[in-house]
Amino acid sequence: MEKICKRDSRLDLIRIFSLFCVIGVHFFLNSGFYTQIVSGKKMFIMCIFRSFFSICVPMFITLTGYLMNKKTFSKKYYKGLFKTLTIYLICSVIYFIFSKLYLHEKISFIMFIKNILSFDGTKYSWYIEMYVGLFLLIPFLNLIFNNLKNQEEARALLFTLMILLAVPSLINIFGISMNWWNNLYPIFYYFLGAYLSKYKVNLNKFCSILFLVIILILDGLFNFYISYKGKYIWNTWNSYSSLPIMTSTFLVFNILLTVKISNSKTKAFILKTLSDACLGAYLISCIFDNIYYKKLANMIPIVKDRFIYAPILIILVFISSLLSSILINLFYNLIKSLCIKENHKLVS
């Protein structure tokens, strides 16, 4: 008989926090931050927060590695993509309707189908393309990780991947183009999650938080300096493959694993509901970005004056996206139940 594992609410918290970081980093994309000259205290503070929120996708992938490192090749395994692709399809339809009615974009049905097939159904659906590819590789990545002899070999694997990612990102600072391995970051973060799942890393929480703050300030200062009196330079040294973001992801993930959550059924249910809604919220958040940031731009024409409204905008988009995604999940569950009933009819 298969052993039933109790759901770990800390992992739900990590997923929700990761979504919050996604919404946070999109503030920079939608507020006009990248159009501004980098100078002054406001831009320096924003550079620090950009470094912090940039752990968003790495956190999601690390969580995937933490949860799925025991998965093996089987027909049943691939059925796990059904929900992901269905949620993506539902969100794409919603965004298509929104773009026609609210944005007044002239998108034909043929173009809509092409957008779906090219994983461009919503503004942020590139994540689905990345995740599907990673999902297909997971059984084989697990063969690599689970056949390592010991913790020393697992560390060597992570260190090797870090070198492949971090060295080019540092060299690029000096104008030397070295980007071939940059897109390997999903593999690194997957193995990082697998490592944290198998080998518990006990770090002092205070020291971890202090180290995290120091990294974020130094990374923010560096990006402020390198972009000073110009527009913010977005390159490998401040991307998901950079050493500061890899280190920050490790620290934040490990810190959140130490959070103690009471054994309250109500609290567990709320965290589970919100956690299950994170994928749809990620995809559908572009709708609320369009609505809220358009209003912000109309109300506050000077970009730097918008920065003070970051907490309000981030929380608004976060809550709106989650609530909408909960409804999307209800619709998905309805579709799933109808498919199961139809399948039973065909079998009988």
Protein backbone atom coordinates (compact mmCIF):
# COMPACT_ATOMS: atom_id res chain seq x y z
CA MET A 1 0.00 0.00 0.00
CA GLU A 2 1.36 3.40 -1.01
CA LYS A 3 2.42 5.56 1.89
CA ILE A 4 0.46 8.80 2.18
CA CYS A 5 2.72 11.74 2.96
CA LYS A 6 1.47 14.68 4.96
CA ARG A 7 1.50 17.92 2.97
CA ASP A 8 4.27 20.28 4.05
CA SER A 9 2.79 23.77 4.46
CA ARG A 10 6.28 25.29 4.38
CA LEU A 11 6.50 24.35 0.71
CA ASP A 12 3.14 26.00 0.06
CA LEU A 13 4.54 29.12 1.74
CA ILE A 14 7.63 28.98 -0.49
CA ARG A 15 5.48 28.75 -3.62
CA ILE A 16 3.32 31.70 -2.52
CA PHE A 17 6.40 33.75 -1.65
CA SER A 18 7.91 32.93 -5.06
CA LEU A 19 4.77 34.22 -6.76
CA PHE A 20 5.00 37.42 -4.69
CA CYS A 21 8.57 37.88 -5.97
CA VAL A 22 7.35 37.37 -9.55
CA ILE A 23 4.76 40.10 -9.09
CA GLY A 24 7.44 42.22 -7.44
CA VAL A 25 10.00 41.92 -10.25
CA HIS A 26 7.27 42.74 -12.78
CA PHE A 27 6.83 46.10 -11.05
CA PHE A 28 10.19 47.10 -12.54
CA LEU A 29 9.08 45.92 -15.97
CA ASN A 30 5.76 47.78 -15.91
CA SER A 31 6.49 50.93 -13.89
CA GLY A 32 9.03 52.44 -16.30
CA PHE A 33 12.06 51.61 -14.15
CA TYR A 34 14.14 50.45 -17.13
CA THR A 35 13.55 53.75 -18.96
CA GLN A 36 15.12 55.84 -16.19
CA ILE A 37 18.64 57.17 -15.72
CA VAL A 38 20.30 55.35 -12.83
CA SER A 39 21.21 57.96 -10.23
CA GLY A 40 20.01 59.11 -6.83
CA LYS A 41 18.80 57.34 -3.68
CA LYS A 42 15.50 56.14 -5.17
CA MET A 43 17.19 54.28 -8.01
CA PHE A 44 19.78 52.81 -5.63
CA ILE A 45 17.06 51.42 -3.36
CA MET A 46 15.17 50.10 -6.37
CA CYS A 47 18.31 48.33 -7.60
CA ILE A 48 18.52 46.50 -4.26
CA PHE A 49 14.87 45.43 -4.40
CA ARG A 50 15.26 44.30 -8.00
CA SER A 51 18.07 42.00 -6.88
CA PHE A 52 15.82 40.61 -4.15
CA PHE A 53 12.75 40.00 -6.32
CA SER A 54 14.90 38.40 -9.03
CA ILE A 55 14.98 35.14 -7.05
CA CYS A 56 11.36 34.59 -8.19
CA VAL A 57 11.74 32.01 -10.99
CA PRO A 58 14.82 30.37 -9.38
CA MET A 59 12.72 29.78 -6.24
CA PHE A 60 9.97 28.10 -8.28
CA ILE A 61 12.47 25.80 -10.01
CA THR A 62 14.27 25.00 -6.75
CA LEU A 63 10.91 24.01 -5.27
CA THR A 64 10.32 21.73 -8.27
CA GLY A 65 13.62 19.98 -7.58
CA TYR A 66 12.76 19.70 -3.88
CA LEU A 67 9.42 18.03 -4.63
CA MET A 68 10.11 15.95 -7.73
CA ASN A 69 13.56 14.49 -7.26
CA LYS A 70 12.13 10.98 -6.71
CA LYS A 71 10.03 10.89 -9.89
CA THR A 72 10.82 8.10 -12.34
CA PHE A 73 10.07 7.43 -15.99
CA SER A 74 6.54 6.07 -16.49
CA LYS A 75 3.38 6.72 -18.51
CA LYS A 76 1.68 7.97 -15.35
CA TYR A 77 4.40 10.57 -14.82
CA TYR A 78 3.63 12.41 -18.06
CA LYS A 79 -0.02 12.81 -17.06
CA GLY A 80 1.32 15.37 -14.58
CA LEU A 81 1.51 17.88 -17.45
CA PHE A 82 -2.26 17.81 -17.95
CA LYS A 83 -3.05 20.40 -15.27
CA THR A 84 -0.18 22.71 -16.24
CA LEU A 85 -1.17 22.76 -19.92
CA THR A 86 -4.89 23.07 -19.16
CA ILE A 87 -4.33 26.03 -16.83
CA TYR A 88 -2.11 27.58 -19.51
CA LEU A 89 -4.84 27.11 -22.13
CA ILE A 90 -7.54 28.61 -19.88
CA CYS A 91 -5.36 31.63 -19.04
CA SER A 92 -4.52 32.08 -22.74
CA VAL A 93 -8.22 32.18 -23.64
CA ILE A 94 -8.89 34.72 -20.88
CA TYR A 95 -5.97 36.88 -22.01
CA PHE A 96 -7.11 36.67 -25.64
CA ILE A 97 -10.57 37.96 -24.66
CA PHE A 98 -8.99 40.66 -22.48
CA SER A 99 -6.65 41.81 -25.27
CA LYS A 100 -9.59 42.08 -27.67
CA LEU A 101 -12.04 43.86 -25.35
CA TYR A 102 -9.77 45.95 -23.10
CA LEU A 103 -6.54 46.46 -25.05
CA HIS A 104 -8.37 46.59 -28.41
CA GLU A 105 -5.66 44.53 -30.07
CA LYS A 106 -6.39 43.11 -33.51
CA ILE A 107 -5.53 39.47 -32.96
CA SER A 108 -7.11 36.91 -35.28
CA PHE A 109 -8.12 33.46 -34.11
CA ILE A 110 -5.30 31.97 -36.22
CA MET A 111 -2.79 34.25 -34.50
CA PHE A 112 -4.29 33.23 -31.14
CA ILE A 113 -3.66 29.55 -31.96
CA LYS A 114 -0.10 30.36 -33.08
CA ASN A 115 0.48 32.25 -29.83
CA ILE A 116 -0.65 29.24 -27.80
CA LEU A 117 1.57 26.83 -29.74
CA SER A 118 4.58 29.14 -29.39
CA PHE A 119 3.93 29.51 -25.63
CA ASP A 120 2.98 33.13 -26.07
CA GLY A 121 -0.64 32.80 -24.98
CA THR A 122 -0.11 35.30 -22.16
CA LYS A 123 2.61 37.87 -21.57
CA TYR A 124 4.41 35.67 -19.05
CA SER A 125 3.79 32.20 -20.51
CA TRP A 126 7.47 31.77 -21.48
CA TYR A 127 7.64 30.10 -18.06
CA ILE A 128 5.40 27.28 -19.31
CA GLU A 129 7.74 26.60 -22.23
CA MET A 130 10.68 26.39 -19.84
CA TYR A 131 8.77 24.27 -17.30
CA VAL A 132 7.47 21.76 -19.89
CA GLY A 133 11.02 21.18 -21.13
CA LEU A 134 12.28 20.76 -17.57
CA PHE A 135 9.37 18.44 -16.73
CA LEU A 136 10.25 16.16 -19.65
CA LEU A 137 13.86 15.98 -18.46
CA ILE A 138 13.12 15.40 -14.76
CA PRO A 139 13.09 11.55 -14.76
CA PHE A 140 16.50 11.57 -16.43
CA LEU A 141 17.88 14.36 -14.24
CA ASN A 142 16.81 12.24 -11.26
CA LEU A 143 18.77 9.29 -12.64
CA ILE A 144 21.85 11.49 -12.57
CA PHE A 145 21.26 12.93 -9.10
CA ASN A 146 20.06 9.77 -7.36
CA ASN A 147 22.98 7.73 -8.69
CA LEU A 148 25.58 10.04 -7.22
CA LYS A 149 27.50 8.08 -4.59
CA ASN A 150 27.45 10.59 -1.77
CA GLN A 151 26.94 14.20 -0.66
CA GLU A 152 30.42 15.14 -1.83
CA GLU A 153 29.56 14.17 -5.42
CA ALA A 154 26.26 16.09 -5.17
CA ARG A 155 28.15 19.19 -4.05
CA ALA A 156 30.61 18.73 -6.91
CA LEU A 157 27.69 18.63 -9.37
CA LEU A 158 26.24 21.86 -7.98
CA PHE A 159 29.65 23.53 -7.89
CA THR A 160 30.34 22.56 -11.51
CA LEU A 161 27.03 24.02 -12.65
CA MET A 162 27.69 27.17 -10.61
CA ILE A 163 31.03 27.61 -12.36
CA LEU A 164 29.43 27.15 -15.79
CA LEU A 165 26.88 29.85 -14.96
CA ALA A 166 28.73 32.29 -12.71
CA VAL A 167 32.05 32.59 -14.55
CA PRO A 168 30.51 33.77 -17.86
CA SER A 169 28.23 36.20 -16.00
CA LEU A 170 31.28 37.75 -14.33
CA ILE A 171 33.43 37.80 -17.47
CA ASN A 172 30.65 39.56 -19.40
CA ILE A 173 31.09 42.55 -17.08
CA PHE A 174 34.34 43.30 -18.92
CA GLY A 175 32.71 43.22 -22.34
CA ILE A 176 33.77 39.66 -23.16
CA SER A 177 30.82 37.79 -24.63
CA MET A 178 30.44 34.35 -23.03
CA ASN A 179 26.75 33.40 -22.95
CA TRP A 180 26.49 29.85 -24.27
CA TRP A 181 25.76 28.19 -20.91
CA ASN A 182 23.52 30.98 -19.59
CA ASN A 183 20.25 29.09 -20.17
CA LEU A 184 21.45 26.13 -18.11
CA TYR A 185 20.09 27.82 -14.98
CA PRO A 186 16.90 25.66 -14.72
CA ILE A 187 19.10 22.55 -14.39
CA PHE A 188 21.17 24.16 -11.63
CA TYR A 189 18.16 25.27 -9.61
CA TYR A 190 16.47 21.89 -10.06
CA PHE A 191 19.52 20.11 -8.68
CA LEU A 192 19.76 22.70 -5.88
CA GLY A 193 16.22 21.79 -4.81
CA ALA A 194 17.01 18.08 -5.04
CA TYR A 195 20.11 18.65 -2.91
CA LEU A 196 18.20 20.59 -0.23
CA SER A 197 15.59 17.82 -0.15
CA LYS A 198 18.10 15.00 0.28
CA TYR A 199 20.73 16.73 2.40
CA LYS A 200 19.33 19.05 5.04
CA VAL A 201 21.44 22.20 5.30
CA ASN A 202 21.33 23.59 8.83
CA LEU A 203 22.36 27.23 8.76
CA ASN A 204 22.03 29.77 11.52
CA LYS A 205 18.93 31.81 10.63
CA PHE A 206 20.32 35.12 11.88
CA CYS A 207 23.59 34.65 9.97
CA SER A 208 21.67 33.61 6.84
CA ILE A 209 19.49 36.72 6.96
CA LEU A 210 22.50 38.95 7.64
CA PHE A 211 24.45 37.37 4.75
CA LEU A 212 21.42 37.75 2.48
CA VAL A 213 21.09 41.46 3.32
CA ILE A 214 24.81 42.01 2.65
CA ILE A 215 24.58 40.22 -0.72
CA LEU A 216 21.52 42.23 -1.78
CA ILE A 217 23.10 45.57 -0.81
CA LEU A 218 26.38 44.74 -2.57
CA ASP A 219 24.59 43.43 -5.68
CA GLY A 220 22.33 46.50 -5.73
CA LEU A 221 25.35 48.76 -5.32
CA PHE A 222 27.21 46.99 -8.12
CA ASN A 223 24.28 47.24 -10.55
CA PHE A 224 23.79 50.88 -9.57
CA TYR A 225 27.47 51.59 -10.22
CA ILE A 226 27.72 49.75 -13.53
CA SER A 227 24.59 51.48 -14.87
CA TYR A 228 25.30 54.88 -13.28
CA LYS A 229 24.13 57.87 -15.34
CA GLY A 230 22.69 55.56 -17.96
CA LYS A 231 19.69 53.25 -18.22
CA TYR A 232 19.72 50.09 -16.13
CA ILE A 233 21.90 47.48 -17.84
CA TRP A 234 20.18 44.10 -17.88
CA ASN A 235 22.75 41.39 -18.54
CA THR A 236 24.01 38.02 -17.32
CA TRP A 237 25.53 39.49 -14.15
CA ASN A 238 22.04 40.37 -12.86
CA SER A 239 20.12 37.49 -14.46
CA TYR A 240 18.99 34.15 -13.01
CA SER A 241 22.43 32.67 -13.79
CA SER A 242 24.36 35.21 -11.72
CA LEU A 243 26.19 34.25 -8.53
CA PRO A 244 24.32 36.77 -6.27
CA ILE A 245 20.92 35.43 -7.37
CA MET A 246 22.03 31.80 -7.03
CA THR A 247 23.29 32.53 -3.51
CA SER A 248 20.22 34.56 -2.53
CA THR A 249 17.90 31.82 -3.79
CA PHE A 250 19.72 29.22 -1.69
CA LEU A 251 19.58 31.40 1.42
CA VAL A 252 15.91 32.45 1.10
CA PHE A 253 14.75 28.91 0.29
CA ASN A 254 16.63 27.53 3.28
CA ILE A 255 15.35 30.31 5.57
CA LEU A 256 11.74 29.60 4.58
CA LEU A 257 12.26 25.89 5.28
CA THR A 258 12.92 26.83 8.92
CA VAL A 259 9.60 28.64 9.31
CA LYS A 260 7.38 26.91 11.87
CA ILE A 261 3.73 26.68 10.84
CA SER A 262 1.17 25.60 13.42
CA ASN A 263 -0.86 22.44 12.81
CA SER A 264 -4.02 24.37 12.06
CA LYS A 265 -6.31 22.75 9.47
CA THR A 266 -7.68 26.17 8.52
CA LYS A 267 -4.21 27.64 7.99
CA ALA A 268 -3.10 24.55 6.06
CA PHE A 269 -6.19 24.75 3.83
CA ILE A 270 -5.62 28.45 3.09
CA LEU A 271 -1.95 27.89 2.24
CA LYS A 272 -2.81 24.88 0.05
CA THR A 273 -5.53 26.82 -1.81
CA LEU A 274 -3.26 29.80 -2.44
CA SER A 275 -0.33 27.57 -3.36
CA ASP A 276 -2.39 25.61 -5.90
CA ALA A 277 -3.45 28.91 -7.47
CA CYS A 278 0.10 30.21 -7.99
CA LEU A 279 0.61 28.91 -11.53
CA GLY A 280 -2.58 30.46 -12.85
CA ALA A 281 -1.86 33.65 -10.89
CA TYR A 282 1.58 33.88 -12.51
CA LEU A 283 0.07 33.61 -16.00
CA ILE A 284 -2.97 35.80 -15.43
CA SER A 285 -1.10 38.55 -13.55
CA CYS A 286 -0.28 40.26 -16.87
CA ILE A 287 -3.95 41.29 -17.11
CA PHE A 288 -3.81 43.13 -13.81
CA ASP A 289 -0.41 44.59 -14.72
CA ASN A 290 -2.06 46.13 -17.78
CA ILE A 291 -4.96 47.53 -15.76
CA TYR A 292 -3.21 48.83 -12.65
CA TYR A 293 0.02 50.13 -14.20
CA LYS A 294 -1.88 51.97 -16.90
CA LYS A 295 -3.83 53.76 -14.19
CA LEU A 296 -0.62 54.44 -12.26
CA ALA A 297 1.03 55.97 -15.34
CA ASN A 298 -1.99 58.22 -15.88
CA MET A 299 -2.04 59.34 -12.26
CA ILE A 300 1.75 59.65 -11.77
CA PRO A 301 3.43 60.76 -15.03
CA ILE A 302 6.93 61.05 -13.49
CA VAL A 303 8.36 57.52 -13.31
CA LYS A 304 10.53 57.97 -10.21
CA ASP A 305 7.50 59.24 -8.30
CA ARG A 306 5.80 55.89 -8.97
CA PHE A 307 8.36 53.93 -6.96
CA ILE A 308 6.78 54.84 -3.62
CA TYR A 309 3.60 53.07 -4.78
CA ALA A 310 5.44 49.79 -5.36
CA PRO A 311 4.06 48.02 -2.22
CA ILE A 312 0.48 48.99 -3.11
CA LEU A 313 0.78 47.92 -6.75
CA ILE A 314 2.53 44.65 -5.94
CA ILE A 315 -0.05 43.70 -3.29
CA LEU A 316 -2.96 44.69 -5.56
CA VAL A 317 -1.71 42.57 -8.47
CA PHE A 318 -0.79 39.73 -6.11
CA ILE A 319 -4.24 39.52 -4.50
CA SER A 320 -6.15 40.08 -7.75
CA SER A 321 -4.14 37.39 -9.55
CA LEU A 322 -4.54 34.83 -6.77
CA LEU A 323 -8.29 35.37 -6.41
CA SER A 324 -8.74 35.08 -10.19
CA SER A 325 -6.63 31.94 -10.28
CA ILE A 326 -8.69 30.31 -7.54
CA LEU A 327 -11.71 30.70 -9.84
CA ILE A 328 -9.65 29.31 -12.74
CA ASN A 329 -8.77 26.28 -10.60
CA LEU A 330 -12.46 25.72 -9.85
CA PHE A 331 -13.14 25.76 -13.59
CA TYR A 332 -10.22 23.38 -14.16
CA ASN A 333 -11.60 20.97 -11.52
CA LEU A 334 -14.95 21.06 -13.33
CA ILE A 335 -13.24 20.19 -16.64
CA LYS A 336 -11.26 17.42 -14.95
CA SER A 337 -14.38 15.86 -13.37
CA LEU A 338 -16.19 15.94 -16.74
CA CYS A 339 -13.22 14.26 -18.43
CA ILE A 340 -13.15 11.55 -15.75
CA LYS A 341 -16.89 10.92 -16.15
CA GLU A 342 -16.56 10.72 -19.92
CA ASN A 343 -13.66 8.33 -19.59
CA HIS A 344 -15.67 6.09 -17.28
CA LYS A 345 -18.50 6.02 -19.82
CA LEU A 346 -16.13 4.97 -22.61
CA VAL A 347 -14.58 2.25 -20.43
CA SER A 348 -17.95 0.87 -19.35
